[in-house]
Protein backbone atom coordinates (compact mmCIF):
# COMPACT_ATOMS: atom_id res chain seq x y z
CA MET A 1 4.74 3.89 -112.65
CA LYS A 2 4.13 7.65 -112.69
CA CYS A 3 4.51 9.82 -109.57
CA PRO A 4 1.12 11.18 -108.56
CA TYR A 5 2.79 14.36 -107.34
CA CYS A 6 5.14 15.43 -110.13
CA GLY A 7 4.30 12.98 -113.00
CA GLY A 8 7.82 11.67 -113.14
CA VAL A 9 8.52 8.06 -114.16
CA CYS A 10 9.31 5.76 -111.18
CA ALA A 11 10.19 2.10 -110.90
CA ASP A 12 7.37 -0.22 -109.87
CA ASP A 13 9.03 -1.18 -106.54
CA ALA A 14 10.25 2.36 -105.74
CA LEU A 15 9.18 3.73 -102.37
CA TYR A 16 9.95 7.39 -103.15
CA CYS A 17 9.79 9.50 -106.32
CA PRO A 18 13.32 10.19 -107.48
CA SER A 19 12.25 13.64 -108.62
CA CYS A 20 10.08 15.08 -105.81
CA LYS A 21 11.06 12.65 -103.06
CA GLN A 22 7.44 12.10 -102.09
CA PRO A 23 6.45 8.61 -100.84
CA LEU A 24 4.67 6.60 -103.44
CA PRO A 25 1.33 4.91 -102.70
CA THR A 26 3.00 1.49 -102.71
CA ALA A 27 5.30 2.56 -99.82
CA GLN A 28 2.42 3.92 -97.81
CA ALA A 29 0.57 0.66 -98.25
CA GLN A 30 3.62 -1.22 -97.06
CA THR A 31 4.42 1.05 -94.05
CA GLN A 32 0.84 1.41 -92.76
CA PRO A 33 0.68 -2.14 -91.26
CA GLN A 34 4.04 -1.61 -89.63
CA GLN A 35 2.86 1.60 -88.05
CA GLU A 36 -0.25 -0.12 -86.77
CA LYS A 37 1.87 -2.89 -85.30
CA ARG A 38 4.10 -0.34 -83.61
CA ARG A 39 0.99 1.47 -82.35
CA GLU A 40 -0.43 -1.78 -80.92
CA LYS A 41 2.89 -2.51 -79.23
CA ARG A 42 2.88 0.97 -77.68
CA THR A 43 -0.70 0.50 -76.42
CA ALA A 44 0.14 -2.89 -74.87
CA GLY A 45 3.19 -1.39 -73.16
CA GLN A 46 1.12 1.47 -71.80
CA LYS A 47 -1.43 -0.96 -70.45
CA ALA A 48 1.26 -3.05 -68.77
CA PHE A 49 2.86 0.07 -67.30
CA THR A 50 -0.51 1.26 -66.05
CA ALA A 51 -1.13 -2.15 -64.49
CA VAL A 52 2.23 -2.00 -62.71
CA LEU A 53 1.43 1.48 -61.47
CA VAL A 54 -1.93 0.27 -60.15
CA VAL A 55 -0.29 -2.66 -58.39
CA LEU A 56 2.34 -0.40 -56.90
CA PHE A 57 -0.35 2.05 -55.81
CA ILE A 58 -2.40 -0.67 -54.15
CA PHE A 59 0.72 -2.05 -52.48
CA GLY A 60 1.70 1.40 -51.25
CA LEU A 61 -1.83 2.01 -50.04
CA SER A 62 -1.79 -1.30 -48.14
CA VAL A 63 1.57 -0.54 -46.57
CA GLY A 64 0.37 2.91 -45.59
CA ALA A 65 -2.82 1.51 -44.13
CA TYR A 66 -0.81 -1.10 -42.16
CA LYS A 67 1.58 1.55 -40.88
CA LEU A 68 -1.31 3.81 -40.01
CA ALA A 69 -3.05 0.99 -38.15
CA SER A 70 0.20 0.15 -36.35
CA TRP A 71 0.73 3.78 -35.44
CA VAL A 72 -2.83 4.06 -34.14
CA LYS A 73 -2.39 0.87 -32.10
CA SER A 74 0.96 2.04 -30.77
CA TYR A 75 -0.56 5.40 -29.89
CA GLN A 76 -3.44 3.71 -28.08
CA LEU A 77 -1.06 1.43 -26.18
CA ASN A 78 1.19 4.34 -25.32
CA ARG A 79 -1.75 6.36 -24.08
CA LEU A 80 -3.06 3.36 -22.10
CA TYR A 81 0.29 2.81 -20.41
CA THR A 82 1.19 6.46 -19.86
CA ARG A 83 -2.06 8.11 -18.86
CA GLY A 84 -4.64 5.34 -18.86
CA ALA A 85 -5.66 2.40 -16.70
CA TYR A 86 -2.40 0.53 -17.32
CA THR A 87 -0.07 3.30 -16.14
CA PRO A 88 2.67 1.70 -13.97
CA THR A 89 3.14 2.97 -10.42
CA LEU A 90 6.21 3.44 -8.21
CA SER A 91 6.10 3.52 -4.40
CA GLU A 92 8.45 3.34 -1.43
CA ILE A 93 8.11 0.16 0.63
CA LYS A 94 9.56 -1.70 3.57
CA MET A 95 10.51 -5.16 2.40
CA ASP A 96 9.91 -8.39 4.32
CA ASP A 97 13.52 -8.41 5.57
CA MET A 98 13.07 -4.83 6.89
CA ARG A 99 15.15 -3.21 4.13
CA GLN A 100 13.87 -0.04 2.49
CA GLY A 101 13.01 -0.39 -1.18
CA HIS A 102 10.78 0.58 -4.08
CA ALA A 103 7.94 -1.38 -5.63
CA MET A 104 7.00 -1.08 -9.31
CA ILE A 105 3.51 -2.27 -10.19
CA PHE A 106 2.64 -2.97 -13.82
CA PHE A 107 -0.80 -3.65 -15.29
CA GLY A 108 -1.77 -5.51 -18.41
CA LYS A 109 -3.12 -8.71 -19.87
CA ASP A 110 -2.36 -12.08 -18.34
CA GLY A 111 0.52 -13.80 -20.10
CA ASP A 112 2.30 -10.61 -21.15
CA GLN A 113 5.85 -10.07 -19.92
CA ILE A 114 7.53 -7.07 -18.29
CA TYR A 115 11.26 -6.75 -18.90
CA VAL A 116 13.51 -4.24 -17.12
CA PRO A 117 16.92 -4.21 -18.88
CA GLU A 118 18.71 -2.26 -16.13
CA LEU A 119 17.92 -5.07 -13.68
CA SER A 120 18.05 -7.92 -16.21
CA ARG A 121 14.79 -9.08 -14.72
CA SER A 122 11.49 -10.08 -16.27
CA LEU A 123 8.19 -11.11 -14.78
CA SER A 124 4.81 -12.28 -16.05
CA ILE A 125 1.55 -10.43 -15.62
CA SER A 126 -0.91 -12.54 -13.63
CA GLY A 127 -4.32 -11.42 -12.54
CA GLY A 128 -3.75 -8.25 -14.52
CA VAL A 129 -0.86 -7.19 -12.26
CA ALA A 130 2.91 -7.71 -12.05
CA ARG A 131 4.91 -6.45 -9.04
CA MET A 132 8.66 -5.96 -8.91
CA GLU A 133 10.48 -5.00 -5.69
CA VAL A 134 14.02 -3.64 -5.52
CA ALA A 135 15.92 -2.92 -2.30
CA ASP A 136 17.39 0.59 -2.15
CA SER A 137 20.75 -0.87 -1.13
CA ASP A 138 20.97 -2.70 -4.48
CA TRP A 139 21.80 0.59 -6.19
CA PHE A 140 25.05 0.97 -4.24
CA ASN A 141 28.32 -0.93 -4.47
CA GLY A 142 31.43 -0.96 -2.31
CA SER A 143 32.09 1.92 0.06
CA ILE A 144 29.25 4.38 0.62
CA THR A 145 31.19 6.75 2.85
CA ASP A 146 31.21 9.58 0.30
CA VAL A 147 27.89 8.74 -1.35
CA GLU A 148 24.60 10.38 -0.42
CA TYR A 149 22.19 9.17 -3.08
CA ALA A 150 21.83 7.46 -6.45
CA ASP A 151 19.87 8.71 -9.47
CA VAL A 152 18.00 5.77 -10.98
CA THR A 153 16.48 5.49 -14.45
CA LEU A 154 14.58 2.37 -15.48
CA THR A 155 13.22 1.70 -18.99
CA PRO A 156 10.70 -1.16 -18.67
CA MET A 157 9.33 -2.87 -21.76
CA LEU A 158 6.07 -4.75 -22.30
CA ILE A 159 6.37 -7.93 -24.38
CA SER A 160 3.00 -9.32 -25.43
CA GLU A 161 2.30 -12.99 -26.04
CA ASN A 162 2.65 -12.49 -29.81
CA GLY A 163 6.10 -10.93 -29.32
CA ARG A 164 5.06 -7.30 -29.78
CA LYS A 165 7.27 -4.92 -27.77
CA THR A 166 5.99 -1.70 -26.24
CA GLU A 167 8.21 0.77 -24.39
CA LEU A 168 6.64 1.77 -21.10
CA PRO A 169 7.11 5.09 -19.31
CA GLN A 170 10.52 5.50 -17.72
CA PHE A 171 10.98 5.50 -13.98
CA ASN A 172 13.24 8.31 -12.80
CA PHE A 173 13.76 8.55 -9.07
CA GLN A 174 16.38 9.27 -6.45
CA VAL A 175 17.43 6.77 -3.78
CA ASN A 176 19.17 7.90 -0.60
CA VAL A 177 21.69 5.61 1.05
CA PRO A 178 19.47 3.64 3.47
CA ASP A 179 20.09 3.26 7.21
CA SER A 180 20.86 -0.20 8.57
CA PRO A 181 17.49 -1.77 9.51
CA LEU A 182 16.84 -2.38 13.21
CA GLN A 183 13.67 -3.53 14.98
CA VAL A 184 13.71 -3.70 18.78
CA THR A 185 10.99 -5.99 20.13
CA SER A 186 12.00 -5.91 23.80
CA PRO A 187 11.73 -3.46 25.41
CA ALA A 188 8.66 -2.35 23.47
CA GLN A 189 9.23 1.34 24.28
CA GLU A 190 12.38 3.46 24.11
CA ARG A 191 12.01 4.17 27.84
CA THR A 192 11.11 1.36 30.23
CA THR A 193 10.93 1.05 34.01
CA VAL A 194 12.12 -2.23 35.58
CA VAL A 195 12.66 -3.70 39.04
CA THR A 196 15.26 -6.36 38.18
CA GLY A 197 19.03 -6.27 37.71
CA VAL A 198 18.90 -7.75 34.20
CA TYR A 199 16.52 -7.16 31.33
CA PRO A 200 15.87 -9.27 28.20
CA LEU A 201 16.85 -7.49 24.98
CA THR A 202 15.48 -8.85 21.70
CA LEU A 203 15.87 -7.34 18.27
CA ASN A 204 15.88 -8.11 14.56
CA VAL A 205 18.40 -7.03 11.92
CA VAL A 206 19.14 -7.98 8.33
CA PRO A 207 21.13 -11.25 8.24
CA GLY A 208 24.81 -10.52 7.78
CA SER A 209 24.74 -7.35 9.88
CA THR A 210 27.24 -6.53 12.61
CA VAL A 211 25.65 -5.66 15.99
CA PHE A 212 27.13 -3.91 19.03
CA VAL A 213 25.40 -3.58 22.43
CA ASN A 214 27.04 -0.98 24.68
CA GLY A 215 30.22 -1.33 22.64
CA GLU A 216 30.32 -5.14 22.82
CA ASP A 217 30.25 -7.04 19.53
CA VAL A 218 27.37 -9.55 19.86
CA THR A 219 27.20 -10.51 16.17
CA LYS A 220 27.93 -14.16 16.98
CA SER A 221 24.67 -14.29 18.94
CA VAL A 222 22.59 -13.20 15.93
CA ASP A 223 20.93 -16.22 14.29
CA ARG A 224 20.55 -16.84 10.55
CA SER A 225 17.25 -14.99 10.40
CA GLY A 226 18.75 -11.86 11.97
CA TYR A 227 17.21 -12.40 15.43
CA LEU A 228 19.14 -11.55 18.60
CA SER A 229 18.12 -12.42 22.16
CA THR A 230 20.38 -11.41 25.03
CA TYR A 231 20.32 -9.80 28.47
CA VAL A 232 21.59 -6.40 29.59
CA SER A 233 22.45 -5.46 33.15
CA VAL A 234 20.37 -2.74 34.80
CA LYS A 235 21.83 -0.93 37.78
CA PRO A 236 19.72 0.81 40.49
CA ILE A 237 20.96 4.25 39.43
CA GLY A 238 17.90 5.62 37.64
CA ASP A 239 18.43 5.82 33.86
CA ASN A 240 20.50 3.06 32.25
CA VAL A 241 21.30 4.03 28.65
CA ILE A 242 21.66 1.04 26.30
CA THR A 243 23.39 1.92 23.01
CA LEU A 244 22.78 -0.26 19.96
CA ILE A 245 24.88 0.00 16.78
CA VAL A 246 24.01 -1.94 13.61
CA ARG A 247 26.15 -2.06 10.46
CA THR A 248 24.57 -3.67 7.41
CA PRO A 249 26.49 -3.94 4.09
CA LYS A 250 25.65 -1.14 1.63
CA HIS A 251 23.77 0.74 4.41
CA ARG A 252 24.68 3.59 6.70
CA GLU A 253 25.43 2.73 10.31
CA CYS A 254 22.36 2.79 12.57
CA ARG A 255 22.76 4.04 16.15
CA HIS A 256 19.84 3.63 18.57
CA GLU A 257 19.56 4.32 22.30
CA LEU A 258 17.21 2.77 24.85
CA VAL A 259 16.66 3.99 28.40
CA ILE A 260 15.88 1.41 31.08
CA PHE A 261 15.00 3.05 34.39
CA ARG A 262 15.58 1.32 37.68
CA GLN A 263 14.74 3.17 40.86
CA HIS A 264 17.44 3.71 43.43
CA TYR A 265 16.30 2.78 46.97
CA ASP A 266 17.93 3.11 50.38
CA ILE A 267 17.18 -0.59 50.84
CA GLU A 268 18.37 -3.08 48.26
CA LEU A 269 15.37 -4.81 46.71
CA GLU A 270 15.44 -6.91 43.55
CA LEU A 271 13.25 -9.54 41.91
CA ASP A 272 14.64 -12.73 40.45
CA THR A 273 14.74 -12.85 36.65
CA THR A 274 12.57 -15.97 36.77
CA VAL A 275 9.60 -13.85 37.91
CA GLY A 276 7.65 -13.16 34.72
CA ASN A 277 4.79 -10.85 33.86
CA VAL A 278 2.44 -13.52 32.46
CA SER A 279 0.82 -16.37 34.38
CA SER A 280 -1.44 -19.22 33.24
CA ALA A 281 -2.36 -20.09 36.85
CA ARG A 282 -4.36 -18.20 39.47
CA THR A 283 -1.29 -18.07 41.71
CA MET A 284 2.37 -17.23 41.09
CA ALA A 285 5.53 -17.49 43.18
CA VAL A 286 7.39 -14.21 43.68
CA THR A 287 11.03 -14.48 44.73
CA GLY A 288 13.91 -12.05 45.12
CA THR A 289 16.58 -10.56 47.37
CA THR A 290 16.66 -7.67 49.83
CA GLU A 291 19.17 -6.46 52.40
CA PRO A 292 19.90 -8.80 55.29
CA GLY A 293 17.81 -7.75 58.26
CA ALA A 294 15.04 -6.18 56.15
CA SER A 295 11.42 -7.27 56.24
CA ILE A 296 8.95 -7.78 53.37
CA GLU A 297 5.36 -6.54 53.47
CA VAL A 298 2.95 -7.53 50.67
CA ASP A 299 0.13 -5.04 50.01
CA THR A 300 -1.84 -7.04 47.41
CA ASP A 301 -3.70 -10.36 47.55
CA HIS A 302 -1.42 -13.29 48.47
CA ILE A 303 -1.22 -16.42 50.56
CA GLU A 304 -0.08 -15.08 53.93
CA GLU A 305 1.57 -18.25 55.15
CA SER A 306 3.67 -18.40 51.99
CA LEU A 307 5.67 -15.27 52.90
CA SER A 308 9.19 -15.98 54.09
CA VAL A 309 12.34 -13.87 54.50
CA ASP A 310 15.83 -15.08 55.35
CA GLN A 311 17.24 -12.42 57.67
CA GLN A 312 20.80 -13.60 57.04
CA THR A 313 20.83 -13.60 53.23
CA GLY A 314 17.88 -11.37 52.41
CA ARG A 315 16.22 -14.05 50.23
CA PHE A 316 12.42 -13.76 50.24
CA SER A 317 9.42 -15.45 48.58
CA PHE A 318 5.63 -15.43 48.65
CA ILE A 319 2.71 -16.64 46.51
CA ALA A 320 0.49 -14.01 44.89
CA ASN A 321 -3.20 -14.56 44.10
CA PHE A 322 -4.92 -13.31 40.94
CA SER A 323 -8.57 -12.47 41.28
CA THR A 324 -9.25 -11.33 37.72
CA TYR A 325 -8.31 -12.23 34.18
CA GLY A 326 -5.94 -9.87 32.44
CA ASN A 327 -3.68 -7.45 34.31
CA ASN A 328 -3.13 -7.87 38.07
CA ILE A 329 -0.89 -5.74 40.28
CA ILE A 330 1.53 -7.30 42.76
CA ARG A 331 2.81 -4.69 45.22
CA PHE A 332 5.24 -5.29 48.09
CA ARG A 333 7.75 -3.33 50.18
CA ALA A 334 11.04 -3.87 51.93
CA THR A 335 11.30 -2.14 55.32
CA LYS A 336 14.23 -1.63 57.67
CA PRO A 337 14.53 0.64 60.65
CA GLY A 338 16.29 3.89 59.85
CA LYS A 339 15.87 3.57 56.08
CA GLN A 340 13.25 4.64 53.57
CA ASP A 341 11.00 1.83 52.34
CA ALA A 342 11.73 0.29 48.95
CA GLU A 343 8.60 -0.60 46.97
CA ILE A 344 8.06 -2.72 43.88
CA SER A 345 4.85 -2.86 41.80
CA LEU A 346 4.71 -5.70 39.31
CA ASN A 347 2.03 -5.99 36.62
CA VAL A 348 1.18 -9.62 35.79
CA ASN A 349 -1.21 -10.69 33.02
CA TYR A 350 -3.26 -13.67 34.22
CA ARG A 351 -4.09 -15.71 31.16
CA PRO A 352 -5.74 -19.02 32.13
CA SER A 353 -5.42 -22.17 30.05
CA LEU A 354 -8.09 -22.99 27.48
CA ALA A 355 -9.28 -25.92 29.57
CA GLU A 356 -9.70 -23.73 32.66
CA MET A 357 -11.37 -20.87 30.86
CA SER A 358 -13.76 -23.03 28.84
CA GLY A 359 -14.73 -24.92 32.00
CA ARG A 360 -15.62 -21.68 33.79
CA ALA A 361 -17.20 -19.79 30.87
CA TRP A 362 -20.92 -18.99 31.00
CA ALA A 363 -23.33 -19.41 28.15
CA MET A 364 -24.17 -16.10 26.48
CA ASP A 365 -26.94 -14.15 28.26
CA TYR A 366 -27.02 -11.09 26.05
CA PRO A 367 -29.95 -9.14 27.62
CA GLN A 368 -28.41 -9.36 31.11
CA LEU A 369 -24.89 -8.69 29.77
CA ARG A 370 -25.99 -5.39 28.27
CA VAL A 371 -27.36 -4.30 31.64
CA LEU A 372 -24.86 -5.86 34.07
CA PHE A 373 -21.65 -5.46 32.08
CA GLU A 374 -20.03 -3.47 34.92
CA ASN A 375 -20.98 -5.94 37.65
CA TRP A 376 -19.93 -8.85 35.43
CA ARG A 377 -16.50 -7.43 34.66
CA TYR A 378 -13.94 -10.25 34.27
CA LYS A 379 -16.69 -12.86 34.05
CA SER A 380 -16.01 -15.19 31.10
CA PHE A 381 -18.54 -16.09 28.39
CA VAL A 382 -18.76 -18.26 25.31
CA CYS A 383 -19.24 -15.96 22.32
CA LYS A 384 -20.28 -17.63 19.07
CA GLY A 385 -21.29 -15.95 15.82
CA PRO A 386 -20.07 -14.38 12.60
CA LEU A 387 -17.61 -11.49 12.58
CA ILE A 388 -19.45 -8.70 10.77
CA ASP A 389 -16.96 -5.85 11.05
CA SER A 390 -13.65 -4.59 12.46
CA PHE A 391 -12.40 -1.12 13.36
CA THR A 392 -9.49 0.73 14.95
CA ASP A 393 -9.78 3.47 17.55
CA ASP A 394 -7.74 6.67 17.74
CA ASP A 395 -5.04 4.92 19.79
CA GLY A 396 -4.52 2.27 17.11
CA LYS A 397 -6.23 -0.51 19.07
CA LYS A 398 -8.15 -2.97 16.90
CA TYR A 399 -11.59 -4.38 17.62
CA LEU A 400 -13.82 -7.07 16.13
CA VAL A 401 -17.61 -6.93 15.96
CA MET A 402 -19.40 -10.27 16.45
CA ASP A 403 -23.13 -11.00 16.15
CA VAL A 404 -23.93 -13.55 18.90
CA GLY A 405 -27.68 -13.47 18.27
CA THR A 406 -29.57 -16.48 16.93
CA THR A 407 -32.91 -14.93 16.00
CA GLU A 408 -32.05 -11.25 16.18
CA ARG A 409 -28.98 -9.02 15.90
CA GLN A 410 -26.96 -9.03 19.15
CA LEU A 411 -23.56 -7.36 18.86
CA VAL A 412 -20.51 -7.63 21.12
CA ILE A 413 -17.15 -5.90 20.69
CA LEU A 414 -14.13 -8.21 20.98
CA VAL A 415 -10.52 -7.37 21.78
CA ASN A 416 -8.67 -10.19 20.05
CA GLU A 417 -5.82 -11.59 22.15
CA SER A 418 -6.05 -15.08 20.67
CA SER A 419 -3.54 -16.84 18.46
CA ILE A 420 -5.62 -15.99 15.37
CA THR A 421 -4.08 -12.71 14.33
CA SER A 422 -6.18 -12.11 11.20
CA PRO A 423 -9.68 -13.58 11.52
CA THR A 424 -11.86 -13.47 8.40
CA LEU A 425 -14.90 -11.21 8.34
CA GLY A 426 -18.13 -13.05 7.54
CA ARG A 427 -16.87 -16.30 9.04
CA THR A 428 -18.34 -17.79 12.22
CA TYR A 429 -16.05 -18.14 15.24
CA GLN A 430 -16.33 -19.34 18.82
CA ALA A 431 -14.47 -17.29 21.41
CA TYR A 432 -13.85 -17.59 25.13
CA ALA A 433 -13.74 -14.05 26.41
CA TYR A 434 -14.06 -12.09 29.66
CA VAL A 435 -16.09 -8.92 30.14
CA ASP A 436 -14.09 -5.68 30.11
CA GLY A 437 -16.79 -2.98 30.00
CA GLN A 438 -18.42 -1.56 26.89
CA HIS A 439 -17.41 0.23 23.70
CA MET A 440 -19.15 2.46 21.16
CA TYR A 441 -19.82 1.15 17.66
CA GLN A 442 -21.81 3.10 15.08
CA SER A 443 -23.08 5.60 17.69
CA GLU A 444 -24.24 2.93 20.15
CA TYR A 445 -22.61 1.21 23.11
CA TYR A 446 -22.20 -2.57 23.15
CA PRO A 447 -20.62 -5.02 25.64
CA MET A 448 -16.86 -5.35 25.19
CA LEU A 449 -15.02 -8.59 25.95
CA VAL A 450 -11.39 -9.70 25.70
CA ALA A 451 -11.09 -12.90 23.66
CA LEU A 452 -8.19 -15.01 24.97
CA TYR A 453 -9.08 -18.02 22.83
CA MET A 454 -10.88 -18.00 19.50
CA ASP A 455 -11.22 -20.48 16.69
CA VAL A 456 -13.42 -21.19 13.68
CA ALA A 457 -16.73 -22.62 14.87
CA GLY A 458 -17.27 -26.29 13.98
């Protein structure tokens, strides 16, 4: 075979000319299919690589979209729980056992959980709300002598039903060392005037507290609920200062003073402790002691023949009459030649039994009641109707508004002194009440009655 380039002689199976080194046509024919095969392989590889790139791109796009959606959802939740309708609240409270504390209120969907790691406590959201209360004393341990306050940081977390966790806004607040709780129920005021040598003292503390009355440790008399009932002596010297000291664990000591005033008289005059200030009967026995040789004169309504005085011992007694429901004054004096009279005025609340009051109560006569309310003062009536409203005056006294009309609106104002402490507005009640004047409601005066007994109407 001749070389087409130089004309040299070449072997038939030669791939290159031995003279000019050019590839012979036979070699080109043999290498062309191989090149095409290599080209096809490269094209297939490029396609596969492109496919992988596309898959990776789609996967990356999906992951990005998921992360973006998660970020948007997290942002929305964060905004909802930090500045929106679900923002938790923190407030100072007085707990049921009288301790000072803080209440955290969380909002969310029913079934979600709130977890506070610092307290190791969790609670479920129900009705869209979850409430957690913590006593201020829980932030203190051991001696608090040199401690004034505690800085508290709480990091609550919301755990949804599907397990998703959302960090809620932190609570950062300061808690002062609380004072030992003390609630004095008798006497009701810090300064009280009495006419007897002893006075009942009742108070409530947190169970486990130590209590001193005028330096005497009376802790053994405090029951399991923290209630103490005892008596203190009251001398006829004017002001008697009663000092109370309460020490509750992880609280500061509480020191409280009461003043019980007992008038000093030239003539000794004292009521027995059995003489109360509430009576369920129209009469009440009054007994006590005065100086031997003194006489007793009663200035208010009483049974004259019931008055007796023992000139040797000074023991006296008489029976007082009560003409009206509610407060009645009993006033009497001890007299003795050469000495200034000693006088006692005792306020007694006459509260008849339900049987007595219901038997004497009149049926409602609203037109006449509106006109004769002053003349009918202390007259008792049956009041029946729905409670349509309640209000409190400037002195903190609460009133109920009842509609006693059957065909038209007829309003009366009730002072509730019954055993039902929280009657329901809109519900119909029947009350036995006595007339006590009138009271303004919504720029108009209406008859006012004191309800001693009230119950849901049958």
